[in-house]
Amino acid sequence: MPESPPPRLDEIDVLLLDLLQYDAGRTLHDLGEQVGLSPSAVQRRIARYRKDGLISRQVAVLDPHRFGPTVLAAVLVTLDQESFEHHRAFAERTRSDPQVQQCYRVAGPWDYVVVLAARSMRDCSRLGDRLFKADANIKRYETLVVFDTLKTGLALPLPAPQPTRPQDRRL
C-alpha cells in the first residue's frame, strides 16, 4: 500500500497539534485561547485530525514511581533466522505483552530494541526468559537495566505549516 501524502497543515494546525501532543487533556476553551479559535472551531479541527489519522489515540501517562518500584530495561535482540514469518512472530509476541512498552526494528548489528517495564528485577529476569530465552529463534539478546529516566516522550517534530490557499480554508 503506498504511503499517503503528508497532510496540508496551516499554522494553527501545527500549533494545535503541538499543544495536543504534550497535553491532550486541555480544555477546548484553553486550546482555543492558545491558537486564537473558538472552542467549537478547535473541536472541529480535532475531529478532522482523528478522521485523517493524525491523532491515532489518546492515553493517560502514568507516573511509574507512584506505583511502587518499577524496573525499566532496554533489550537489544538479534534473531537467528531472518524471514518475514520470523519477524512477524516476534512482532506479534512483543505487541501482545503488556510489559513490553516499546519495540523498534532497527538497522545495524541488532534487529530490535525492546523496552520492558517490570515490578522487580526478578520479574524483569523472568520476563526476559519468557520473551527471549525461550524463543529458539533468538540468537542473542542483551538487557540494559535503566538506572534513571532522564527524558521520556512521544512528541513528534511537526512539519512546517503550508501556505494557506483560499480553497483550503476550513476551521
C-alpha atoms as a PDB file:
ATOM      1  CA  MET A   1       0.000   0.000   0.000  1.00  0.00           C
ATOM      2  CA  PRO A   2       1.531   3.368  -0.990  1.00  0.00           C
ATOM      3  CA  GLU A   3       2.143   5.950   1.693  1.00  0.00           C
ATOM      4  CA  SER A   4      -0.389   8.744   1.810  1.00  0.00           C
ATOM      5  CA  PRO A   5       0.978  12.227   1.171  1.00  0.00           C
ATOM      6  CA  PRO A   6       1.714  14.372   4.215  1.00  0.00           C
ATOM      7  CA  PRO A   7      -1.273  16.433   5.311  1.00  0.00           C
ATOM      8  CA  ARG A   8      -1.535  20.121   4.492  1.00  0.00           C
ATOM      9  CA  LEU A   9      -1.253  21.884   7.836  1.00  0.00           C
ATOM     10  CA  ASP A  10      -1.623  25.600   8.409  1.00  0.00           C
ATOM     11  CA  GLU A  11      -0.005  27.493  11.285  1.00  0.00           C
ATOM     12  CA  ILE A  12      -2.983  26.893  13.563  1.00  0.00           C
ATOM     13  CA  ASP A  13      -2.936  23.147  12.814  1.00  0.00           C
ATOM     14  CA  VAL A  14       0.772  22.906  13.674  1.00  0.00           C
ATOM     15  CA  LEU A  15       0.339  24.877  16.899  1.00  0.00           C
ATOM     16  CA  LEU A  16      -2.785  22.977  17.950  1.00  0.00           C
ATOM     17  CA  LEU A  17      -1.264  19.558  17.216  1.00  0.00           C
ATOM     18  CA  ASP A  18       1.846  20.538  19.142  1.00  0.00           C
ATOM     19  CA  LEU A  19      -0.240  21.586  22.151  1.00  0.00           C
ATOM     20  CA  LEU A  20      -2.252  18.364  21.976  1.00  0.00           C
ATOM     21  CA  GLN A  21       0.748  16.061  21.790  1.00  0.00           C
ATOM     22  CA  TYR A  22       2.130  17.498  25.021  1.00  0.00           C
ATOM     23  CA  ASP A  23      -1.209  17.611  26.879  1.00  0.00           C
ATOM     24  CA  ALA A  24      -4.351  16.271  25.218  1.00  0.00           C
ATOM     25  CA  GLY A  25      -6.304  16.836  28.443  1.00  0.00           C
ATOM     26  CA  ARG A  26      -6.501  20.618  27.976  1.00  0.00           C
ATOM     27  CA  THR A  27      -9.979  22.046  27.557  1.00  0.00           C
ATOM     28  CA  LEU A  28     -11.260  23.180  24.176  1.00  0.00           C
ATOM     29  CA  HIS A  29     -11.550  26.673  25.641  1.00  0.00           C
ATOM     30  CA  ASP A  30      -7.900  26.702  26.773  1.00  0.00           C
ATOM     31  CA  LEU A  31      -6.707  25.325  23.426  1.00  0.00           C
ATOM     32  CA  GLY A  32      -8.818  27.901  21.598  1.00  0.00           C
ATOM     33  CA  GLU A  33      -7.260  30.730  23.602  1.00  0.00           C
ATOM     34  CA  GLN A  34      -3.785  29.437  22.752  1.00  0.00           C
ATOM     35  CA  VAL A  35      -4.436  29.256  18.991  1.00  0.00           C
ATOM     36  CA  GLY A  36      -6.959  32.065  18.536  1.00  0.00           C
ATOM     37  CA  LEU A  37     -10.034  29.952  17.750  1.00  0.00           C
ATOM     38  CA  SER A  38     -13.391  29.319  19.380  1.00  0.00           C
ATOM     39  CA  PRO A  39     -13.812  26.051  21.304  1.00  0.00           C
ATOM     40  CA  SER A  40     -16.172  24.743  18.596  1.00  0.00           C
ATOM     41  CA  ALA A  41     -13.605  25.503  15.856  1.00  0.00           C
ATOM     42  CA  VAL A  42     -10.947  23.676  17.909  1.00  0.00           C
ATOM     43  CA  GLN A  43     -13.307  20.722  18.312  1.00  0.00           C
ATOM     44  CA  ARG A  44     -13.907  20.579  14.537  1.00  0.00           C
ATOM     45  CA  ARG A  45     -10.168  20.594  13.854  1.00  0.00           C
ATOM     46  CA  ILE A  46      -9.534  17.842  16.413  1.00  0.00           C
ATOM     47  CA  ALA A  47     -12.328  15.768  14.837  1.00  0.00           C
ATOM     48  CA  ARG A  48     -10.664  16.266  11.431  1.00  0.00           C
ATOM     49  CA  TYR A  49      -7.274  15.198  12.845  1.00  0.00           C
ATOM     50  CA  ARG A  50      -8.840  11.986  14.152  1.00  0.00           C
ATOM     51  CA  LYS A  51     -10.681  11.339  10.879  1.00  0.00           C
ATOM     52  CA  ASP A  52      -7.475  11.909   8.903  1.00  0.00           C
ATOM     53  CA  GLY A  53      -5.486   9.610  11.216  1.00  0.00           C
ATOM     54  CA  LEU A  54      -3.200  12.359  12.550  1.00  0.00           C
ATOM     55  CA  ILE A  55      -4.345  11.521  16.094  1.00  0.00           C
ATOM     56  CA  SER A  56      -4.360   7.763  16.494  1.00  0.00           C
ATOM     57  CA  ARG A  57      -5.426   7.649  20.158  1.00  0.00           C
ATOM     58  CA  GLN A  58      -5.359   9.490  23.480  1.00  0.00           C
ATOM     59  CA  VAL A  59      -3.906   7.907  26.606  1.00  0.00           C
ATOM     60  CA  ALA A  60      -3.174   8.803  30.203  1.00  0.00           C
ATOM     61  CA  VAL A  61       0.546   8.716  31.007  1.00  0.00           C
ATOM     62  CA  LEU A  62       1.019   7.256  34.474  1.00  0.00           C
ATOM     63  CA  ASP A  63       3.977   8.066  36.692  1.00  0.00           C
ATOM     64  CA  PRO A  64       5.631   4.676  37.239  1.00  0.00           C
ATOM     65  CA  HIS A  65       7.212   5.803  40.524  1.00  0.00           C
ATOM     66  CA  ARG A  66       3.797   6.423  42.102  1.00  0.00           C
ATOM     67  CA  PHE A  67       3.027   2.691  41.914  1.00  0.00           C
ATOM     68  CA  GLY A  68       5.999   1.438  43.867  1.00  0.00           C
ATOM     69  CA  PRO A  69       9.210   0.034  42.448  1.00  0.00           C
ATOM     70  CA  THR A  70       9.382  -0.229  38.672  1.00  0.00           C
ATOM     71  CA  VAL A  71      12.273  -1.686  36.708  1.00  0.00           C
ATOM     72  CA  LEU A  72      12.743  -0.461  33.160  1.00  0.00           C
ATOM     73  CA  ALA A  73      15.072  -2.232  30.756  1.00  0.00           C
ATOM     74  CA  ALA A  74      16.101  -1.810  27.146  1.00  0.00           C
ATOM     75  CA  VAL A  75      16.766  -5.144  25.475  1.00  0.00           C
ATOM     76  CA  LEU A  76      18.826  -5.477  22.286  1.00  0.00           C
ATOM     77  CA  VAL A  77      17.705  -8.501  20.269  1.00  0.00           C
ATOM     78  CA  THR A  78      19.142 -10.368  17.275  1.00  0.00           C
ATOM     79  CA  LEU A  79      17.142 -13.076  15.528  1.00  0.00           C
ATOM     80  CA  ASP A  80      18.846 -16.266  14.423  1.00  0.00           C
ATOM     81  CA  GLN A  81      16.872 -16.660  11.192  1.00  0.00           C
ATOM     82  CA  GLU A  82      15.686 -13.692   9.141  1.00  0.00           C
ATOM     83  CA  SER A  83      12.386 -14.265   7.373  1.00  0.00           C
ATOM     84  CA  PHE A  84       9.096 -12.446   7.077  1.00  0.00           C
ATOM     85  CA  GLU A  85       7.448 -15.119   9.222  1.00  0.00           C
ATOM     86  CA  HIS A  86      10.098 -14.936  11.969  1.00  0.00           C
ATOM     87  CA  HIS A  87       9.845 -11.142  12.147  1.00  0.00           C
ATOM     88  CA  ARG A  88       6.026 -11.334  12.170  1.00  0.00           C
ATOM     89  CA  ALA A  89       6.059 -13.864  15.030  1.00  0.00           C
ATOM     90  CA  PHE A  90       8.456 -11.714  17.069  1.00  0.00           C
ATOM     91  CA  ALA A  91       6.354  -8.593  16.436  1.00  0.00           C
ATOM     92  CA  GLU A  92       3.141 -10.373  17.475  1.00  0.00           C
ATOM     93  CA  ARG A  93       4.703 -11.648  20.692  1.00  0.00           C
ATOM     94  CA  THR A  94       6.031  -8.231  21.714  1.00  0.00           C
ATOM     95  CA  ARG A  95       2.797  -6.427  20.751  1.00  0.00           C
ATOM     96  CA  SER A  96       0.707  -8.819  22.825  1.00  0.00           C
ATOM     97  CA  ASP A  97       2.719  -8.496  26.042  1.00  0.00           C
ATOM     98  CA  PRO A  98       1.639  -5.531  28.207  1.00  0.00           C
ATOM     99  CA  GLN A  99       5.066  -5.361  29.872  1.00  0.00           C
ATOM    100  CA  VAL A 100       6.641  -4.546  26.510  1.00  0.00           C
ATOM    101  CA  GLN A 101       6.398  -0.777  26.466  1.00  0.00           C
ATOM    102  CA  GLN A 102       8.034  -0.156  23.100  1.00  0.00           C
ATOM    103  CA  CYS A 103       9.599  -2.233  20.355  1.00  0.00           C
ATOM    104  CA  TYR A 104      11.633  -0.899  17.456  1.00  0.00           C
ATOM    105  CA  ARG A 105      13.005  -2.773  14.454  1.00  0.00           C
ATOM    106  CA  VAL A 106      16.430  -1.253  13.854  1.00  0.00           C
ATOM    107  CA  ALA A 107      19.351  -1.288  11.420  1.00  0.00           C
ATOM    108  CA  GLY A 108      22.800  -2.422  12.491  1.00  0.00           C
ATOM    109  CA  PRO A 109      24.083  -5.426  14.413  1.00  0.00           C
ATOM    110  CA  TRP A 110      20.823  -5.777  16.384  1.00  0.00           C
ATOM    111  CA  ASP A 111      17.397  -6.459  14.885  1.00  0.00           C
ATOM    112  CA  TYR A 112      15.247  -4.947  17.652  1.00  0.00           C
ATOM    113  CA  VAL A 113      15.323  -2.651  20.650  1.00  0.00           C
ATOM    114  CA  VAL A 114      12.636  -3.639  23.153  1.00  0.00           C
ATOM    115  CA  VAL A 115      11.728  -1.555  26.220  1.00  0.00           C
ATOM    116  CA  LEU A 116      10.334  -3.534  29.154  1.00  0.00           C
ATOM    117  CA  ALA A 117       8.624  -2.459  32.384  1.00  0.00           C
ATOM    118  CA  ALA A 118       8.597  -4.850  35.335  1.00  0.00           C
ATOM    119  CA  ARG A 119       7.729  -4.711  39.048  1.00  0.00           C
ATOM    120  CA  SER A 120      11.141  -6.027  40.182  1.00  0.00           C
ATOM    121  CA  MET A 121      14.500  -7.270  38.913  1.00  0.00           C
ATOM    122  CA  ARG A 122      13.252 -10.827  39.393  1.00  0.00           C
ATOM    123  CA  ASP A 123      10.138 -10.047  37.342  1.00  0.00           C
ATOM    124  CA  CYS A 124      12.323  -8.443  34.657  1.00  0.00           C
ATOM    125  CA  SER A 125      14.535 -11.550  34.539  1.00  0.00           C
ATOM    126  CA  ARG A 126      11.518 -13.854  34.196  1.00  0.00           C
ATOM    127  CA  LEU A 127      10.071 -11.622  31.510  1.00  0.00           C
ATOM    128  CA  GLY A 128      13.342 -11.756  29.570  1.00  0.00           C
ATOM    129  CA  ASP A 129      13.447 -15.540  29.899  1.00  0.00           C
ATOM    130  CA  ARG A 130       9.863 -15.856  28.659  1.00  0.00           C
ATOM    131  CA  LEU A 131      10.172 -13.412  25.768  1.00  0.00           C
ATOM    132  CA  PHE A 132      13.705 -14.073  24.599  1.00  0.00           C
ATOM    133  CA  LYS A 133      15.449 -17.078  26.155  1.00  0.00           C
ATOM    134  CA  ALA A 134      12.518 -19.422  25.472  1.00  0.00           C
ATOM    135  CA  ASP A 135      12.466 -18.437  21.770  1.00  0.00           C
ATOM    136  CA  ALA A 136      14.691 -20.756  19.723  1.00  0.00           C
ATOM    137  CA  ASN A 137      14.965 -18.067  17.008  1.00  0.00           C
ATOM    138  CA  ILE A 138      16.596 -15.502  19.322  1.00  0.00           C
ATOM    139  CA  LYS A 139      20.293 -15.672  18.504  1.00  0.00           C
ATOM    140  CA  ARG A 140      21.361 -13.182  21.148  1.00  0.00           C
ATOM    141  CA  TYR A 141      19.879 -10.619  23.487  1.00  0.00           C
ATOM    142  CA  GLU A 142      21.401  -8.131  25.871  1.00  0.00           C
ATOM    143  CA  THR A 143      19.463  -6.473  28.686  1.00  0.00           C
ATOM    144  CA  LEU A 144      20.356  -2.939  29.744  1.00  0.00           C
ATOM    145  CA  VAL A 145      18.703  -2.034  33.052  1.00  0.00           C
ATOM    146  CA  VAL A 146      17.700   1.614  33.348  1.00  0.00           C
ATOM    147  CA  PHE A 147      19.161   3.320  36.416  1.00  0.00           C
ATOM    148  CA  ASP A 148      17.489   6.693  35.932  1.00  0.00           C
ATOM    149  CA  THR A 149      14.996   8.130  33.444  1.00  0.00           C
ATOM    150  CA  LEU A 150      16.337  11.398  32.092  1.00  0.00           C
ATOM    151  CA  LYS A 151      13.644  12.013  29.487  1.00  0.00           C
ATOM    152  CA  THR A 152      10.635  10.223  28.067  1.00  0.00           C
ATOM    153  CA  GLY A 153       8.286  11.466  25.427  1.00  0.00           C
ATOM    154  CA  LEU A 154       6.260  10.733  22.355  1.00  0.00           C
ATOM    155  CA  ALA A 155       6.096  14.220  20.833  1.00  0.00           C
ATOM    156  CA  LEU A 156       6.993  14.329  17.144  1.00  0.00           C
ATOM    157  CA  PRO A 157       8.638  17.174  15.274  1.00  0.00           C
ATOM    158  CA  LEU A 158       5.855  18.631  13.157  1.00  0.00           C
ATOM    159  CA  PRO A 159       6.243  19.792   9.562  1.00  0.00           C
ATOM    160  CA  ALA A 160       6.362  23.480   8.753  1.00  0.00           C
ATOM    161  CA  PRO A 161       2.932  24.968   8.066  1.00  0.00           C
ATOM    162  CA  GLN A 162       1.854  25.081   4.431  1.00  0.00           C
ATOM    163  CA  PRO A 163       0.811  28.414   2.941  1.00  0.00           C
ATOM    164  CA  THR A 164      -2.945  28.681   3.084  1.00  0.00           C
ATOM    165  CA  ARG A 165      -4.763  28.740  -0.246  1.00  0.00           C
ATOM    166  CA  PRO A 166      -8.287  30.219  -0.279  1.00  0.00           C
ATOM    167  CA  GLN A 167      -9.834  26.864  -1.289  1.00  0.00           C
ATOM    168  CA  ASP A 168      -8.108  25.127   1.659  1.00  0.00           C
ATOM    169  CA  ARG A 169      -9.538  27.367   4.360  1.00  0.00           C
ATOM    170  CA  ARG A 170     -11.538  25.383   6.885  1.00  0.00           C
ATOM    171  CA  LEU A 171     -11.854  25.540  10.618  1.00  0.00           C
END
